[in-house]
Amino acid sequence: MLTDKEKSAVGTAIPATEKDMNNSPENIISGNEEKIKCQSFENMTEILHSLAGTLRLTREGKNIVSIVPLTVPIDGTKYVKDVARITYKNGHTRDINIDCDSGIAAVYDIADNLCF
């Protein structure tokens, strides 16, 4: 078992090997002591890997080799965005914007883009 931490391609995803992080669902905002409940336990890499396997069972997804999260630069700007890169058997790739998406929103965006 690896003891090194993996670097996630998507800033909001937590790789499976992150063990020593404090993933408390309760964060405290200093100043007014307002508490915010948040869940950031999603592993976007694992979600997209699993989605690729599921999509391979469909007619539209039968040629999918992989779906991986990437952070790519936005053309002509200094900004970046998070995308799910779908790679097909013929080598063709397709990027689907999943910037600021939760796991379920990323699944929806990918399915929506493949259907229409």
N, C-alpha and C. Protein backbone atom coordinates (compact mmCIF):
# COMPACT_ATOMS: atom_id res chain seq x y z
N MET A 1 0.84 -1.18 0.00
CA MET A 1 0.00 0.00 0.00
C MET A 1 0.88 1.24 0.00
N LEU A 2 0.53 2.20 -0.82
CA LEU A 2 1.31 3.41 -0.94
C LEU A 2 1.07 4.33 0.25
N THR A 3 2.12 4.97 0.69
CA THR A 3 1.97 5.92 1.78
C THR A 3 1.98 7.35 1.25
N ASP A 4 2.31 7.53 -0.03
CA ASP A 4 2.32 8.86 -0.62
C ASP A 4 0.91 9.29 -0.97
N LYS A 5 0.67 10.58 -0.87
CA LYS A 5 -0.63 11.12 -1.24
C LYS A 5 -0.66 11.32 -2.75
N GLU A 6 -1.79 10.98 -3.36
CA GLU A 6 -1.98 11.25 -4.78
C GLU A 6 -2.38 12.70 -4.94
N LYS A 7 -2.04 13.28 -6.07
CA LYS A 7 -2.50 14.62 -6.39
C LYS A 7 -3.73 14.49 -7.27
N SER A 8 -4.80 15.11 -6.87
CA SER A 8 -6.05 15.04 -7.62
C SER A 8 -6.01 16.01 -8.78
N ALA A 9 -6.56 15.60 -9.92
CA ALA A 9 -6.65 16.47 -11.08
C ALA A 9 -7.73 17.54 -10.88
N VAL A 10 -8.70 17.23 -10.10
CA VAL A 10 -9.79 18.17 -9.85
C VAL A 10 -9.65 18.65 -8.42
N GLY A 11 -9.61 19.95 -8.25
CA GLY A 11 -9.34 20.53 -6.94
C GLY A 11 -10.30 20.13 -5.85
N THR A 12 -11.54 19.78 -6.19
CA THR A 12 -12.50 19.45 -5.14
C THR A 12 -12.55 17.98 -4.82
N ALA A 13 -11.88 17.15 -5.59
CA ALA A 13 -11.93 15.71 -5.36
C ALA A 13 -10.87 15.30 -4.34
N ILE A 14 -11.17 14.29 -3.56
CA ILE A 14 -10.23 13.77 -2.59
C ILE A 14 -9.82 12.37 -3.03
N PRO A 15 -8.53 12.16 -3.37
CA PRO A 15 -8.11 10.83 -3.79
C PRO A 15 -8.30 9.79 -2.69
N ALA A 16 -8.41 8.54 -3.09
CA ALA A 16 -8.67 7.45 -2.15
C ALA A 16 -7.55 7.28 -1.14
N THR A 17 -6.32 7.75 -1.45
CA THR A 17 -5.20 7.55 -0.54
C THR A 17 -5.05 8.66 0.49
N GLU A 18 -5.91 9.65 0.47
CA GLU A 18 -5.85 10.72 1.46
C GLU A 18 -6.41 10.21 2.78
N LYS A 19 -5.53 9.86 3.72
CA LYS A 19 -5.99 9.29 4.98
C LYS A 19 -5.87 10.26 6.14
N ASP A 20 -4.86 11.11 6.08
CA ASP A 20 -4.59 11.92 7.25
C ASP A 20 -5.21 13.31 7.17
N MET A 21 -6.11 13.53 6.25
CA MET A 21 -6.79 14.82 6.18
C MET A 21 -7.93 14.85 7.18
N ASN A 22 -8.18 16.00 7.72
CA ASN A 22 -9.31 16.17 8.62
C ASN A 22 -10.53 16.47 7.76
N ASN A 23 -11.32 15.44 7.45
CA ASN A 23 -12.48 15.59 6.58
C ASN A 23 -13.75 15.82 7.39
N SER A 24 -13.64 16.67 8.36
CA SER A 24 -14.79 16.98 9.19
C SER A 24 -15.85 17.69 8.36
N PRO A 25 -17.11 17.23 8.44
CA PRO A 25 -18.15 17.88 7.65
C PRO A 25 -18.56 19.24 8.18
N GLU A 26 -17.94 19.67 9.25
CA GLU A 26 -18.32 20.94 9.85
C GLU A 26 -17.13 21.90 9.80
N ASN A 27 -17.28 23.00 9.10
CA ASN A 27 -16.24 24.02 9.02
C ASN A 27 -16.74 25.26 9.76
N ILE A 28 -15.82 25.96 10.40
CA ILE A 28 -16.20 27.15 11.16
C ILE A 28 -15.62 28.37 10.47
N ILE A 29 -16.47 29.36 10.25
CA ILE A 29 -16.02 30.63 9.68
C ILE A 29 -15.65 31.54 10.83
N SER A 30 -14.43 32.04 10.82
CA SER A 30 -14.01 32.93 11.90
C SER A 30 -14.69 34.29 11.73
N GLY A 31 -14.80 34.98 12.80
CA GLY A 31 -15.41 36.31 12.77
C GLY A 31 -16.79 36.30 13.36
N ASN A 32 -17.72 35.62 12.75
CA ASN A 32 -19.08 35.63 13.30
C ASN A 32 -19.48 34.25 13.81
N GLU A 33 -18.56 33.31 13.84
CA GLU A 33 -18.76 31.97 14.38
C GLU A 33 -19.94 31.23 13.75
N GLU A 34 -20.25 31.61 12.51
CA GLU A 34 -21.31 30.91 11.78
C GLU A 34 -20.76 29.57 11.30
N LYS A 35 -21.53 28.50 11.49
CA LYS A 35 -21.08 27.18 11.09
C LYS A 35 -21.70 26.80 9.75
N ILE A 36 -20.88 26.22 8.90
CA ILE A 36 -21.35 25.76 7.60
C ILE A 36 -21.15 24.26 7.54
N LYS A 37 -22.18 23.54 7.19
CA LYS A 37 -22.07 22.09 7.00
C LYS A 37 -21.72 21.86 5.54
N CYS A 38 -20.69 21.07 5.30
CA CYS A 38 -20.34 20.76 3.93
C CYS A 38 -19.83 19.34 3.84
N GLN A 39 -20.10 18.70 2.75
CA GLN A 39 -19.62 17.35 2.49
C GLN A 39 -18.65 17.43 1.32
N SER A 40 -17.39 17.13 1.54
CA SER A 40 -16.42 17.14 0.45
C SER A 40 -15.71 15.79 0.40
N PHE A 41 -16.48 14.72 0.55
CA PHE A 41 -15.91 13.39 0.58
C PHE A 41 -15.92 12.73 -0.78
N GLU A 42 -16.32 13.44 -1.82
CA GLU A 42 -16.43 12.83 -3.13
C GLU A 42 -15.06 12.65 -3.78
N ASN A 43 -14.87 11.51 -4.37
CA ASN A 43 -13.64 11.20 -5.10
C ASN A 43 -13.99 11.22 -6.58
N MET A 44 -13.78 12.39 -7.23
CA MET A 44 -14.19 12.57 -8.62
C MET A 44 -13.50 11.58 -9.55
N THR A 45 -12.26 11.24 -9.29
CA THR A 45 -11.55 10.28 -10.12
C THR A 45 -12.26 8.93 -10.09
N GLU A 46 -12.64 8.48 -8.92
CA GLU A 46 -13.32 7.18 -8.78
C GLU A 46 -14.73 7.23 -9.38
N ILE A 47 -15.41 8.34 -9.21
CA ILE A 47 -16.76 8.49 -9.77
C ILE A 47 -16.70 8.38 -11.29
N LEU A 48 -15.75 9.08 -11.91
CA LEU A 48 -15.65 9.06 -13.38
C LEU A 48 -15.16 7.71 -13.89
N HIS A 49 -14.28 7.05 -13.16
CA HIS A 49 -13.82 5.71 -13.55
C HIS A 49 -14.99 4.73 -13.54
N SER A 50 -15.80 4.79 -12.51
CA SER A 50 -16.97 3.93 -12.40
C SER A 50 -18.00 4.25 -13.48
N LEU A 51 -18.18 5.54 -13.76
CA LEU A 51 -19.11 5.96 -14.80
C LEU A 51 -18.68 5.43 -16.16
N ALA A 52 -17.38 5.44 -16.43
CA ALA A 52 -16.88 4.92 -17.71
C ALA A 52 -17.25 3.45 -17.87
N GLY A 53 -17.11 2.67 -16.81
CA GLY A 53 -17.48 1.25 -16.86
C GLY A 53 -18.96 1.07 -17.11
N THR A 54 -19.78 1.90 -16.49
CA THR A 54 -21.22 1.82 -16.70
C THR A 54 -21.59 2.22 -18.12
N LEU A 55 -20.99 3.29 -18.62
CA LEU A 55 -21.30 3.76 -19.97
C LEU A 55 -20.87 2.77 -21.06
N ARG A 56 -19.82 1.99 -20.78
CA ARG A 56 -19.38 0.98 -21.76
C ARG A 56 -20.45 -0.08 -21.99
N LEU A 57 -21.39 -0.20 -21.08
CA LEU A 57 -22.49 -1.16 -21.23
C LEU A 57 -23.60 -0.64 -22.14
N THR A 58 -23.50 0.64 -22.54
CA THR A 58 -24.52 1.24 -23.39
C THR A 58 -24.04 1.34 -24.83
N ARG A 59 -24.98 1.53 -25.74
CA ARG A 59 -24.64 1.67 -27.17
C ARG A 59 -23.79 2.91 -27.40
N GLU A 60 -24.17 4.03 -26.81
CA GLU A 60 -23.43 5.28 -27.01
C GLU A 60 -22.03 5.22 -26.40
N GLY A 61 -21.85 4.46 -25.33
CA GLY A 61 -20.57 4.44 -24.62
C GLY A 61 -19.71 3.23 -24.86
N LYS A 62 -20.09 2.37 -25.81
CA LYS A 62 -19.36 1.11 -25.99
C LYS A 62 -17.90 1.30 -26.39
N ASN A 63 -17.55 2.44 -26.98
CA ASN A 63 -16.17 2.67 -27.42
C ASN A 63 -15.37 3.54 -26.45
N ILE A 64 -15.91 3.78 -25.27
CA ILE A 64 -15.20 4.60 -24.28
C ILE A 64 -14.09 3.77 -23.62
N VAL A 65 -12.89 4.32 -23.62
CA VAL A 65 -11.76 3.68 -22.95
C VAL A 65 -11.66 4.19 -21.52
N SER A 66 -11.76 5.51 -21.34
CA SER A 66 -11.64 6.08 -19.99
C SER A 66 -12.31 7.44 -19.91
N ILE A 67 -12.63 7.81 -18.69
CA ILE A 67 -13.08 9.17 -18.38
C ILE A 67 -12.27 9.61 -17.17
N VAL A 68 -11.50 10.68 -17.33
CA VAL A 68 -10.65 11.17 -16.24
C VAL A 68 -10.87 12.66 -16.03
N PRO A 69 -10.76 13.11 -14.77
CA PRO A 69 -10.87 14.55 -14.51
C PRO A 69 -9.54 15.24 -14.78
N LEU A 70 -9.60 16.39 -15.44
CA LEU A 70 -8.41 17.18 -15.73
C LEU A 70 -8.68 18.65 -15.46
N THR A 71 -7.63 19.38 -15.17
CA THR A 71 -7.70 20.83 -15.08
C THR A 71 -6.97 21.37 -16.29
N VAL A 72 -7.67 22.10 -17.14
CA VAL A 72 -7.09 22.59 -18.40
C VAL A 72 -7.19 24.11 -18.47
N PRO A 73 -6.23 24.75 -19.18
CA PRO A 73 -6.31 26.20 -19.33
C PRO A 73 -7.45 26.59 -20.27
N ILE A 74 -8.05 27.73 -20.01
CA ILE A 74 -9.06 28.28 -20.91
C ILE A 74 -8.32 29.10 -21.96
N ASP A 75 -8.57 28.80 -23.23
CA ASP A 75 -7.85 29.44 -24.33
C ASP A 75 -7.87 30.96 -24.23
N GLY A 76 -6.69 31.54 -24.37
CA GLY A 76 -6.56 32.99 -24.39
C GLY A 76 -6.70 33.68 -23.05
N THR A 77 -6.75 32.92 -21.96
CA THR A 77 -6.87 33.54 -20.64
C THR A 77 -5.86 32.91 -19.68
N LYS A 78 -5.78 33.47 -18.49
CA LYS A 78 -4.92 32.91 -17.46
C LYS A 78 -5.68 31.95 -16.56
N TYR A 79 -6.94 31.70 -16.87
CA TYR A 79 -7.80 30.89 -16.01
C TYR A 79 -7.79 29.42 -16.44
N VAL A 80 -8.24 28.56 -15.53
CA VAL A 80 -8.35 27.13 -15.81
C VAL A 80 -9.76 26.67 -15.50
N LYS A 81 -10.12 25.51 -16.03
CA LYS A 81 -11.42 24.90 -15.74
C LYS A 81 -11.23 23.41 -15.57
N ASP A 82 -12.17 22.79 -14.88
CA ASP A 82 -12.14 21.34 -14.68
C ASP A 82 -13.00 20.69 -15.74
N VAL A 83 -12.45 19.66 -16.37
CA VAL A 83 -13.18 18.93 -17.40
C VAL A 83 -13.08 17.43 -17.14
N ALA A 84 -14.04 16.70 -17.68
CA ALA A 84 -13.96 15.25 -17.72
C ALA A 84 -13.55 14.91 -19.14
N ARG A 85 -12.38 14.31 -19.31
CA ARG A 85 -11.89 13.96 -20.65
C ARG A 85 -12.26 12.51 -20.94
N ILE A 86 -13.10 12.35 -21.96
CA ILE A 86 -13.50 11.02 -22.41
C ILE A 86 -12.57 10.62 -23.54
N THR A 87 -11.94 9.45 -23.43
CA THR A 87 -11.08 8.93 -24.48
C THR A 87 -11.75 7.71 -25.08
N TYR A 88 -11.81 7.69 -26.42
CA TYR A 88 -12.45 6.59 -27.15
C TYR A 88 -11.40 5.65 -27.73
N LYS A 89 -11.81 4.46 -28.13
CA LYS A 89 -10.91 3.45 -28.68
C LYS A 89 -10.14 3.95 -29.89
N ASN A 90 -10.74 4.82 -30.70
CA ASN A 90 -10.06 5.32 -31.90
C ASN A 90 -9.08 6.45 -31.59
N GLY A 91 -8.91 6.81 -30.32
CA GLY A 91 -7.98 7.85 -29.91
C GLY A 91 -8.61 9.23 -29.78
N HIS A 92 -9.82 9.39 -30.26
CA HIS A 92 -10.53 10.67 -30.16
C HIS A 92 -10.80 10.98 -28.69
N THR A 93 -10.68 12.25 -28.32
CA THR A 93 -11.00 12.68 -26.96
C THR A 93 -12.09 13.74 -27.01
N ARG A 94 -12.81 13.83 -25.93
CA ARG A 94 -13.89 14.81 -25.81
C ARG A 94 -13.86 15.37 -24.39
N ASP A 95 -13.82 16.68 -24.26
CA ASP A 95 -13.81 17.31 -22.95
C ASP A 95 -15.20 17.84 -22.62
N ILE A 96 -15.67 17.51 -21.42
CA ILE A 96 -16.95 17.98 -20.93
C ILE A 96 -16.71 18.79 -19.67
N ASN A 97 -17.23 20.00 -19.65
CA ASN A 97 -17.00 20.90 -18.53
C ASN A 97 -17.72 20.39 -17.27
N ILE A 98 -16.94 20.15 -16.22
CA ILE A 98 -17.50 19.75 -14.93
C ILE A 98 -17.02 20.70 -13.83
N ASP A 99 -16.67 21.91 -14.22
CA ASP A 99 -16.17 22.91 -13.29
C ASP A 99 -17.21 23.18 -12.20
N CYS A 100 -16.80 23.11 -10.95
CA CYS A 100 -17.65 23.36 -9.78
C CYS A 100 -18.77 22.36 -9.61
N ASP A 101 -18.69 21.22 -10.26
CA ASP A 101 -19.74 20.21 -10.17
C ASP A 101 -19.53 19.30 -8.97
N SER A 102 -20.64 18.86 -8.39
CA SER A 102 -20.59 17.77 -7.42
C SER A 102 -20.49 16.48 -8.24
N GLY A 103 -20.35 15.35 -7.58
CA GLY A 103 -20.25 14.08 -8.28
C GLY A 103 -21.48 13.78 -9.11
N ILE A 104 -22.66 13.98 -8.56
CA ILE A 104 -23.89 13.68 -9.30
C ILE A 104 -24.09 14.67 -10.44
N ALA A 105 -23.70 15.92 -10.25
CA ALA A 105 -23.81 16.91 -11.32
C ALA A 105 -22.86 16.57 -12.47
N ALA A 106 -21.66 16.06 -12.16
CA ALA A 106 -20.73 15.64 -13.20
C ALA A 106 -21.29 14.47 -14.00
N VAL A 107 -21.89 13.50 -13.30
CA VAL A 107 -22.51 12.36 -13.98
C VAL A 107 -23.61 12.85 -14.91
N TYR A 108 -24.43 13.77 -14.42
CA TYR A 108 -25.52 14.32 -15.24
C TYR A 108 -24.98 15.05 -16.46
N ASP A 109 -23.96 15.91 -16.27
CA ASP A 109 -23.40 16.67 -17.39
C ASP A 109 -22.83 15.75 -18.46
N ILE A 110 -22.14 14.70 -18.04
CA ILE A 110 -21.55 13.77 -19.00
C ILE A 110 -22.64 13.01 -19.76
N ALA A 111 -23.63 12.49 -19.03
CA ALA A 111 -24.73 11.78 -19.67
C ALA A 111 -25.50 12.70 -20.62
N ASP A 112 -25.72 13.93 -20.21
CA ASP A 112 -26.43 14.90 -21.03
C ASP A 112 -25.67 15.18 -22.33
N ASN A 113 -24.34 15.33 -22.23
CA ASN A 113 -23.54 15.61 -23.42
C ASN A 113 -23.46 14.41 -24.35
N LEU A 114 -23.49 13.22 -23.82
CA LEU A 114 -23.44 12.02 -24.67
C LEU A 114 -24.77 11.77 -25.37
N CYS A 115 -25.86 12.20 -24.76
CA CYS A 115 -27.19 11.95 -25.34
C CYS A 115 -27.58 12.98 -26.39
N PHE A 116 -27.06 14.19 -26.29
CA PHE A 116 -27.50 15.25 -27.21
C PHE A 116 -26.36 15.89 -27.92
